[in-house]
Structure formats: C-alpha cells, structure tokens
Protein backbone atom coordinates (compact mmCIF):
# COMPACT_ATOMS: atom_id res chain seq x y z
CA MET A 1 2.05 -61.09 -14.38
CA SER A 2 4.51 -58.07 -13.92
CA THR A 3 3.70 -54.56 -12.74
CA SER A 4 6.03 -50.68 -13.19
CA THR A 5 5.72 -47.81 -11.82
CA THR A 6 6.02 -44.70 -13.73
CA ALA A 7 7.80 -41.79 -12.28
CA LYS A 8 6.32 -38.03 -12.71
CA SER A 9 8.29 -34.98 -14.28
CA PRO A 10 7.26 -31.55 -13.82
CA ALA A 11 5.66 -31.40 -17.40
CA ASN A 12 3.54 -34.10 -16.35
CA ASP A 13 2.67 -33.49 -13.27
CA GLY A 14 -1.01 -32.14 -13.60
CA GLY A 15 0.83 -28.77 -12.97
CA ARG A 16 0.84 -29.36 -9.92
CA THR A 17 4.67 -27.64 -8.17
CA GLN A 18 7.55 -30.60 -6.71
CA PRO A 19 7.58 -30.15 -2.51
CA GLY A 20 11.09 -29.32 -2.62
CA ARG A 21 10.29 -26.15 -4.80
CA ARG A 22 7.24 -24.55 -3.31
CA ASN A 23 7.26 -20.77 -2.42
CA PRO A 24 8.05 -20.12 1.01
CA PHE A 25 5.53 -17.64 1.18
CA ALA A 26 2.35 -20.99 -0.08
CA ARG A 27 4.64 -23.04 2.70
CA LEU A 28 3.84 -20.17 5.17
CA ALA A 29 -0.12 -20.59 3.71
CA ASP A 30 -0.18 -23.96 4.30
CA LEU A 31 1.45 -24.14 8.08
CA PRO A 32 -1.26 -24.71 10.91
CA ARG A 33 -3.47 -21.47 11.70
CA PRO A 34 -2.13 -21.59 15.75
CA VAL A 35 1.40 -20.61 14.13
CA LYS A 36 0.37 -18.78 11.53
CA ILE A 37 -1.01 -16.61 14.13
CA LEU A 38 2.00 -16.68 16.31
CA LEU A 39 4.29 -15.68 13.83
CA MET A 40 1.99 -12.88 12.86
CA VAL A 41 2.15 -11.55 16.87
CA ALA A 42 5.83 -11.86 16.64
CA LEU A 43 6.72 -9.92 13.36
CA ALA A 44 3.50 -7.25 15.02
CA VAL A 45 6.12 -6.84 17.99
CA LEU A 46 9.22 -6.63 15.73
CA LEU A 47 7.31 -4.18 13.64
CA TYR A 48 6.66 -1.52 17.03
CA ALA A 49 10.36 -1.68 18.41
CA LEU A 50 12.08 -1.78 15.02
CA PRO A 51 12.40 2.26 15.45
CA LEU A 52 13.49 1.61 19.00
CA LEU A 53 16.09 -1.60 17.92
CA ASP A 54 17.80 1.03 15.45
CA PRO A 55 19.38 -1.75 13.20
CA PRO A 56 22.63 -0.80 11.80
CA TYR A 57 22.59 -1.06 7.94
CA LEU A 58 19.15 -1.13 7.81
CA SER A 59 18.71 2.47 9.41
CA PRO A 60 19.73 5.39 6.79
CA SER A 61 22.78 6.50 8.16
CA GLU A 62 21.54 10.46 7.17
CA SER A 63 17.90 10.06 7.77
CA ASP A 64 15.66 10.45 10.99
CA PHE A 65 14.61 6.36 11.21
CA GLY A 66 11.26 6.93 13.30
CA GLY A 67 10.76 9.04 10.08
CA VAL A 68 11.85 7.16 7.80
CA LEU A 69 9.21 4.19 9.31
CA PHE A 70 6.47 6.44 9.15
CA ASN A 71 6.78 7.59 5.65
CA VAL A 72 7.39 3.81 4.51
CA ALA A 73 3.99 2.94 6.65
CA ALA A 74 1.51 6.26 5.05
CA TYR A 75 2.79 4.30 1.54
CA VAL A 76 2.12 0.73 2.79
CA LEU A 77 -1.37 2.29 3.61
CA VAL A 78 -2.27 3.48 0.00
CA ALA A 79 -0.90 0.59 -1.23
CA LEU A 80 -3.08 -0.68 0.33
CA GLY A 81 -5.82 1.29 -0.90
CA LEU A 82 -5.13 1.26 -4.34
CA ASN A 83 -4.43 -2.73 -4.59
CA VAL A 84 -8.38 -2.29 -3.55
CA VAL A 85 -9.18 -0.65 -6.70
CA LEU A 86 -6.02 -2.13 -8.84
CA GLY A 87 -5.38 -5.22 -8.15
CA TYR A 88 -9.31 -6.50 -6.55
CA ALA A 89 -11.45 -4.16 -8.78
CA GLY A 90 -8.85 -4.18 -12.17
CA LEU A 91 -9.54 0.08 -12.66
CA LEU A 92 -6.08 1.51 -13.37
CA ASP A 93 -6.44 5.13 -10.79
CA LEU A 94 -4.11 6.83 -11.57
CA GLY A 95 -5.37 9.98 -10.14
CA TYR A 96 -5.11 8.54 -6.35
CA VAL A 97 -3.25 11.37 -5.43
CA GLY A 98 -6.15 13.48 -4.99
CA PHE A 99 -7.64 11.50 -2.83
CA TYR A 100 -4.21 11.71 -0.43
CA ALA A 101 -4.76 15.43 -0.79
CA ILE A 102 -8.36 15.37 0.40
CA GLY A 103 -7.33 13.83 3.56
CA ALA A 104 -4.54 15.99 3.93
CA TYR A 105 -6.14 19.39 3.51
CA THR A 106 -9.52 18.32 5.26
CA VAL A 107 -7.39 18.28 8.79
CA GLY A 108 -5.42 21.32 7.51
CA ILE A 109 -8.44 23.10 6.61
CA LEU A 110 -10.56 22.39 9.82
CA GLY A 111 -7.92 21.60 11.87
CA SER A 112 -5.85 24.93 11.24
CA LEU A 113 -7.00 27.71 8.42
CA HIS A 114 -10.48 27.50 9.23
CA GLY A 115 -11.50 25.76 12.64
CA LYS A 116 -9.98 24.30 15.73
CA ILE A 117 -12.11 20.75 15.47
CA PRO A 118 -10.03 18.31 17.71
CA PHE A 119 -7.96 15.37 15.89
CA LEU A 120 -10.08 11.97 17.15
CA VAL A 121 -13.12 13.88 14.66
CA LEU A 122 -10.73 15.28 11.98
CA LEU A 123 -9.57 12.19 11.61
CA PRO A 124 -12.32 9.80 10.36
CA LEU A 125 -14.08 12.65 8.96
CA ALA A 126 -11.42 13.35 6.92
CA ALA A 127 -11.68 9.78 5.12
CA LEU A 128 -15.49 9.78 4.95
CA LEU A 129 -15.08 13.51 2.72
CA ALA A 130 -12.65 11.67 0.79
CA THR A 131 -14.67 8.38 0.13
CA VAL A 132 -17.46 11.02 -0.96
CA SER A 133 -15.00 12.25 -3.49
CA GLY A 134 -14.91 8.97 -4.15
CA ILE A 135 -18.67 8.15 -5.02
CA LEU A 136 -18.38 11.25 -7.02
CA LEU A 137 -16.01 10.54 -9.23
CA GLY A 138 -16.70 7.42 -10.04
CA ALA A 139 -20.62 7.81 -10.34
CA PRO A 140 -20.04 9.42 -13.80
CA THR A 141 -16.39 8.11 -15.05
CA LEU A 142 -16.72 3.96 -14.26
CA ARG A 143 -18.93 3.99 -17.37
CA VAL A 144 -15.66 3.72 -19.13
CA ARG A 145 -12.87 1.24 -19.24
CA GLY A 146 -8.88 1.04 -19.85
CA ASP A 147 -6.84 3.69 -20.72
CA TYR A 148 -9.32 6.12 -20.59
CA LEU A 149 -10.43 5.93 -16.92
CA ALA A 150 -6.32 6.36 -16.34
CA ILE A 151 -6.80 9.47 -18.16
CA VAL A 152 -9.68 10.52 -16.61
CA THR A 153 -8.50 9.88 -13.08
CA LEU A 154 -5.07 11.41 -13.69
CA GLY A 155 -6.98 14.46 -14.52
CA PHE A 156 -8.90 14.05 -11.31
CA GLY A 157 -5.39 13.91 -9.43
CA GLU A 158 -5.02 17.20 -11.16
CA ILE A 159 -7.95 18.64 -10.75
CA ILE A 160 -7.68 18.75 -7.19
CA ARG A 161 -4.10 20.00 -7.18
CA LEU A 162 -5.16 22.97 -8.80
CA ILE A 163 -7.76 23.72 -6.79
CA LEU A 164 -6.11 23.63 -4.03
CA LEU A 165 -3.47 25.82 -5.42
CA ASN A 166 -5.58 28.56 -6.61
CA SER A 167 -8.27 28.54 -3.95
CA THR A 168 -6.11 31.33 -1.78
CA ASN A 169 -8.77 32.03 0.37
CA PHE A 170 -9.89 28.29 1.18
CA THR A 171 -7.18 26.59 0.69
CA GLY A 172 -4.45 28.69 1.54
CA GLY A 173 -3.04 28.38 -1.89
CA ALA A 174 0.71 28.30 -2.77
CA PRO A 175 2.12 29.11 0.58
CA GLY A 176 -0.22 26.52 2.23
CA ILE A 177 -1.25 25.36 5.68
CA SER A 178 0.89 25.14 9.05
CA SER A 179 0.38 24.57 12.65
CA ILE A 180 -1.99 21.10 11.83
CA PRO A 181 -3.32 19.93 14.66
CA LYS A 182 -1.67 16.18 16.12
CA PRO A 183 -3.17 13.59 17.73
CA PRO A 184 -3.40 13.84 21.92
CA SER A 185 -0.79 13.63 23.37
CA HIS A 186 -0.25 11.67 27.24
CA GLU A 187 2.40 11.78 29.15
CA PHE A 188 3.05 7.70 30.23
CA PHE A 189 6.03 5.64 30.55
CA GLY A 190 9.14 5.70 28.35
CA ILE A 191 11.24 3.27 26.55
CA PRO A 192 14.76 4.04 26.42
CA HIS A 193 16.63 3.23 22.69
CA LEU A 194 19.16 0.80 21.76
CA VAL A 195 22.44 2.33 21.04
CA TRP A 196 24.92 0.34 18.03
CA GLN A 197 28.86 0.33 18.38
CA GLY A 198 29.31 -1.64 15.22
CA ALA A 199 27.81 -5.44 16.31
CA THR A 200 27.70 -4.39 20.17
CA ALA A 201 24.17 -2.94 21.19
CA SER A 202 24.09 -1.03 24.05
CA VAL A 203 20.84 0.99 26.15
CA ASP A 204 20.84 4.04 25.91
CA LEU A 205 18.86 5.38 28.61
CA GLY A 206 18.92 9.00 27.79
CA THR A 207 16.68 8.42 24.54
CA LYS A 208 13.09 7.37 25.64
CA THR A 209 10.05 7.68 23.20
CA SER A 210 7.07 8.46 25.28
CA VAL A 211 4.27 5.87 23.86
CA LEU A 212 1.43 8.43 23.10
CA THR A 213 3.43 11.57 23.05
CA PHE A 214 3.04 12.49 19.57
CA GLY A 215 5.82 16.01 19.18
CA ILE A 216 7.58 17.72 16.64
CA LEU A 217 11.21 15.45 17.64
CA ASP A 218 10.50 12.21 18.19
CA TYR A 219 7.72 10.68 14.96
CA ILE A 220 8.13 7.04 16.05
CA PRO A 221 4.68 7.63 18.38
CA TYR A 222 3.24 8.51 14.64
CA TYR A 223 4.84 5.28 13.07
CA TRP A 224 3.30 3.24 16.12
CA LEU A 225 -0.32 5.11 15.25
CA ALA A 226 0.20 4.11 11.50
CA LEU A 227 0.74 0.66 12.04
CA THR A 228 -1.90 0.53 14.06
CA VAL A 229 -4.19 2.10 11.58
CA ILE A 230 -2.43 -0.94 8.81
CA ILE A 231 -3.56 -4.14 11.03
CA LEU A 232 -7.29 -2.90 11.55
CA ILE A 233 -6.82 -1.93 7.66
CA LEU A 234 -5.58 -5.21 6.97
CA PHE A 235 -7.98 -7.64 9.33
CA ALA A 236 -10.70 -5.50 6.84
CA ASP A 237 -9.06 -5.84 3.38
CA LYS A 238 -9.28 -9.57 5.38
CA ALA A 239 -12.83 -10.58 5.70
CA LEU A 240 -13.34 -8.30 1.98
CA GLN A 241 -11.52 -10.28 -0.74
CA ASN A 242 -12.94 -13.56 1.42
CA SER A 243 -16.58 -12.30 1.08
CA ARG A 244 -19.18 -11.62 -2.08
CA VAL A 245 -17.75 -8.73 -2.66
CA GLY A 246 -13.89 -10.06 -3.08
CA ARG A 247 -15.98 -12.88 -5.51
CA ALA A 248 -17.77 -10.11 -7.33
CA TRP A 249 -14.46 -7.69 -7.99
CA GLU A 250 -12.66 -11.17 -9.19
CA ALA A 251 -14.96 -11.41 -11.74
CA THR A 252 -15.13 -8.20 -12.75
CA ARG A 253 -11.66 -7.90 -13.15
CA GLU A 254 -11.33 -10.67 -15.01
CA ASP A 255 -13.75 -10.09 -17.59
CA GLU A 256 -16.29 -7.75 -16.90
CA ASP A 257 -18.70 -8.47 -19.58
CA ALA A 258 -18.78 -12.69 -18.47
CA ALA A 259 -19.43 -11.17 -14.92
CA GLU A 260 -22.63 -8.77 -16.17
CA LEU A 261 -24.02 -12.09 -17.72
CA MET A 262 -23.81 -14.31 -14.90
CA GLY A 263 -25.72 -11.38 -13.02
CA VAL A 264 -23.33 -9.75 -11.08
CA PRO A 265 -23.73 -6.01 -10.70
CA THR A 266 -20.47 -4.98 -11.75
CA PHE A 267 -20.96 -1.03 -12.01
CA ARG A 268 -22.05 -0.88 -8.64
CA PHE A 269 -19.44 -2.87 -6.79
CA LYS A 270 -16.19 -1.04 -8.86
CA LEU A 271 -18.15 1.91 -7.43
CA LEU A 272 -17.88 0.69 -4.25
CA ALA A 273 -14.36 -0.74 -4.86
CA PHE A 274 -13.79 3.13 -5.98
CA ALA A 275 -15.67 4.91 -2.25
CA ILE A 276 -13.12 2.06 -0.16
CA GLY A 277 -9.73 2.62 -2.30
CA ALA A 278 -10.29 6.32 -1.27
CA PHE A 279 -11.71 6.03 2.33
CA VAL A 280 -8.19 4.72 2.96
CA GLY A 281 -6.33 7.15 0.90
CA GLY A 282 -8.27 9.24 2.90
CA LEU A 283 -7.28 8.49 6.39
CA SER A 284 -3.25 7.83 4.35
CA GLY A 285 -3.42 11.94 3.63
CA ALA A 286 -4.99 12.60 7.60
CA LEU A 287 -1.92 11.18 8.67
CA PHE A 288 0.03 12.60 6.23
CA ALA A 289 -0.94 15.91 7.06
CA THR A 290 -0.98 15.61 11.08
CA ARG A 291 2.70 14.06 11.27
CA GLN A 292 4.54 16.42 9.04
CA GLY A 293 2.93 19.71 10.23
CA PHE A 294 2.61 21.91 7.18
CA ILE A 295 1.36 21.12 3.78
CA ASN A 296 0.99 22.40 -0.10
CA PRO A 297 0.07 21.80 -3.23
CA ASP A 298 3.44 20.80 -4.48
CA THR A 299 3.57 17.95 -2.27
CA PHE A 300 0.60 16.53 -3.83
CA THR A 301 2.14 15.95 -7.07
CA ALA A 302 0.85 13.79 -10.59
CA GLN A 303 4.78 12.23 -9.52
CA LEU A 304 3.32 10.92 -6.40
CA SER A 305 0.69 8.76 -7.66
CA ILE A 306 2.73 7.16 -10.08
CA LEU A 307 4.90 6.09 -7.27
CA PHE A 308 1.71 4.66 -5.52
CA VAL A 309 1.53 3.02 -8.79
CA ALA A 310 4.74 1.48 -8.78
CA ALA A 311 4.36 -0.01 -5.46
CA VAL A 312 0.92 -2.39 -6.40
CA VAL A 313 2.31 -3.13 -9.41
CA VAL A 314 6.01 -3.89 -8.11
CA GLY A 315 4.91 -5.99 -5.07
CA GLY A 316 2.13 -8.07 -7.13
CA ALA A 317 -1.60 -6.10 -7.52
CA GLY A 318 -4.33 -8.15 -5.81
CA ASN A 319 -1.89 -9.76 -2.68
CA ARG A 320 -1.71 -7.60 0.41
CA TRP A 321 1.17 -8.74 1.18
CA GLY A 322 2.84 -8.03 -1.75
CA VAL A 323 1.90 -4.65 -2.18
CA ILE A 324 3.55 -4.46 1.54
CA ILE A 325 6.20 -5.40 0.25
CA GLY A 326 6.34 -2.77 -2.95
CA ALA A 327 5.37 -0.28 -0.70
CA VAL A 328 8.51 -0.70 1.23
CA VAL A 329 10.58 -0.98 -1.99
CA VAL A 330 9.54 2.81 -3.38
CA SER A 331 9.24 4.27 -0.27
CA TYR A 332 12.64 2.88 1.80
CA LEU A 333 15.31 2.12 -1.40
CA PRO A 334 15.77 5.96 -1.45
CA GLU A 335 16.48 6.70 1.45
CA LEU A 336 18.52 3.80 1.75
CA PHE A 337 20.28 5.38 -1.30
CA ARG A 338 20.59 8.52 -0.12
CA PRO A 339 24.21 9.04 0.47
CA PHE A 340 24.43 8.33 -2.87
CA ALA A 341 21.76 11.52 -3.88
CA ASP A 342 23.19 11.33 -7.89
CA TYR A 343 22.65 8.03 -8.76
CA ARG A 344 19.67 7.11 -6.13
CA VAL A 345 17.29 7.28 -8.83
CA LEU A 346 19.10 5.37 -11.73
CA ILE A 347 20.30 3.14 -9.04
CA PHE A 348 16.16 2.64 -8.14
CA GLY A 349 15.26 2.95 -12.21
CA VAL A 350 17.25 0.00 -12.87
CA LEU A 351 16.16 -2.47 -9.82
CA LEU A 352 12.35 -2.00 -11.51
CA ILE A 353 13.50 -2.46 -15.42
CA VAL A 354 14.93 -6.23 -14.09
CA LEU A 355 11.94 -6.42 -11.46
CA ALA A 356 9.59 -6.33 -14.73
CA ASN A 357 12.06 -8.30 -17.14
CA PHE A 358 12.19 -11.25 -14.61
CA ARG A 359 9.15 -10.61 -12.53
CA SER A 360 6.36 -9.24 -14.86
CA GLN A 361 3.55 -10.30 -11.96
CA GLY A 362 5.53 -8.39 -9.30
CA LEU A 363 7.37 -9.30 -6.37
CA ILE A 364 4.59 -12.10 -4.64
CA PRO A 365 1.94 -12.17 -7.59
CA PRO A 366 -1.18 -13.43 -5.69
CA ARG A 367 -1.71 -17.30 -5.67
CA ARG A 368 -4.42 -17.39 -8.28
CA SER A 369 -2.42 -16.00 -10.85
CA VAL A 370 0.95 -18.39 -11.09
CA ARG A 371 -1.86 -20.63 -11.06
CA ALA A 372 -3.64 -19.12 -14.36
CA LYS A 373 0.41 -18.52 -15.55
CA LYS A 374 0.89 -22.59 -14.95
CA VAL A 375 -2.95 -23.42 -16.80
CA ASP A 376 -1.92 -21.33 -20.45
CA GLU A 377 1.69 -22.55 -20.08
CA ARG A 378 0.20 -26.46 -19.88
CA LEU A 379 -2.33 -25.24 -22.25
CA GLU A 380 -0.01 -24.06 -24.75
CA GLN A 381 2.60 -27.38 -24.36
CA LEU A 382 -0.35 -29.73 -25.15
CA GLU A 383 -1.38 -27.53 -28.27
CA GLU A 384 2.29 -27.73 -29.80
CA GLY A 385 2.50 -31.57 -28.70
CA ALA A 386 -1.16 -31.78 -30.66
CA SER A 387 0.12 -29.83 -34.02
CA ARG A 388 3.28 -31.79 -34.17
CA ALA A 389 1.63 -35.20 -33.97
C-alpha cells in the first residue's frame, strides 16, 4: 500500500501565513516574555538618550532636536488618546483639538492669567476638566453615528476655538496667555551631549542637560517628562484593551446593533471612550502649554485636529504601536523636510497618497484586521470557485 504526501500551498493552508513571510511585529509578539521585557527596556533607554546622542541625519539641521522630540512626543500622546476613541470604539472625532485646547488653557488661565496654582496641581486638573468636557459633549452627541458624529465633533472643536478667541476678559482673547508656569525644577547632575564630526562622535563636556531643570533654552527635560507620561499611558492602554471594557469597545466598533442585542450597553462604553480620550488629550495640551510658555487661539485650529486623525489613520487605527509610528511620521517628517520648505507639504501629501493606495489599513494595522481581511479574501476565493463549478 503506497502513501502520498501533498504539499500545502498558500492558497489551501487555511489562511495561515508561511513562517518565512511573517510580519516582523508578529515575530516580536511571539518572543518569550523576558526577551520582550528586555527589548522594551532597551528601547526606553534609547528613547531617553536620543536627544543627548543627537544622531546625524536624524536630527533636523535647522531645528532644536530636543524641541522636535517634544513635539513628536506630544503628537504621540494625543494619538494614543484619540486611538481609544477612533481605533477602539470606532467613533470618528474630528474635534479632538478642543480637548487639547481645554488642557492647555486650564494651565494658562489658572496658572498665569487668573491664578497661581502650582504645576503639580494644574496638570491633573487640566486632564480632569478635559474629561468633564468630554462627558458633557458625549452625553448628548453619542446618540448619533458616523458622519453626523464627525460633524458634531468638528463643530465642538471650532466652538472651543471661537470661545477662546472672543472671551477676552477670561481667556485673554487673540493675544493669548504668556508666562505659563513650568514644572518645578531641581538642580541635579548634568548629562553631557555628543558632538558629531561626520561619522565620529565625541563627548561635549561644555554642553550638559540637567535632569530636572525646566528652563527656556533646553527642551530635553520637557521631552523626558512627556516620554514618561507616554510610558504610563501605554501601560494603562494595554490593561484597558485586554479588559472587559476593551472587548465591549471592539464589539461596539464592529457592529453596534449586534452588540446591543448581546447585552452590551454601547452608549455607556462609548461615553467612557470619549472621557478617556478627552483625559489624554487634556493632559497632552497641558504639557504643550507648559513647554511653549505662550498659547493663543490660533494654535488650536481644525487643521491640527485633522493632523491628529491622520496620525491615527496613517499608523493603523486600533494598534497602539501603529498610531505611535503614525504620530512620529506626521510630526517628524515636516521637520525633517524643513530645508525643502517650499516642497515639504507636497512631499508629505505624496507619501500619504502612496500609503492610502498600498497600505489602506495603515502602516501597522491591528492583527484582528489583518486576519479578518484574509478570511474575507478566502471566502471570496471559495465563492468564486463554487460559482465556476
């Protein structure tokens, strides 16, 4: 009696990807837990050291690298908050800049214009007020869906900007607010920078960054502060996504009516997503204001809100690592192309068009989206085969 073996082809392997063609991020996910922890610690150390290393070709030649990294960190923080709303719960929020502005103006109004509240109190207060505004906005508006919700949230962001612009006595109006308080500083040890001469690096003992000195000339401590907040938010984000709340958000995003029939209180969970997103947005706005030292209504335009949404969509809505990369792309590339100031917007637009055509789900889409897409393609192949038969 003879036996024969049949090799499986990619078309009949049940939709599984061949080991040699696996996504690098999928390989990382399959590593042992101690190895993943070690890699994460190494990555965190590298990110903290990055502004001190000031590597050539990565540091924009016409910008302060510490300031650029802080702006990138602010976008990353905003993208993580908006990802909860857009990526997890599936709510298209085009007015997210409103929460960002509320956080920034809370620090400016209560810390400079109408009060002298310490920064350590202002930071959680700004996040709390943004959260309350998210609940107040979401309670009446989350009854609508899709494009209607997008229009309502877009109007919210513009209403906040107009209120800040016209309430001259309370918000400072068009001139804005200056002398915004900074985090408390302490004189600790200084860390020297590297100086590059071509491919050769040397230690510059004359240029040092003090760890907890928040001044106006060195933005690196602000970047370290924002990076620390991002790490804390990432831990909370992972815990939420893997909890019952995260599963309720996923069910609501995929099919809200079916989730309701299965007993999921979708409105409550959508409101929770809105509140958490507003919390992170307000926190990011507060950090931005204290680093900037000056804010005015022109900073918080609808165009900024669209950039926030672009960061989430470009990276891959629903994937925390994807939206981080998307935020880096959206905030860092314009700085990198600053020497080509007349063409940088064109270059950035071309890159977005290419991405939309070849990676429609983002640079790093969630694994569930990739699996669902493969299943759909497999079903289409089976249906075509059945129709031909």
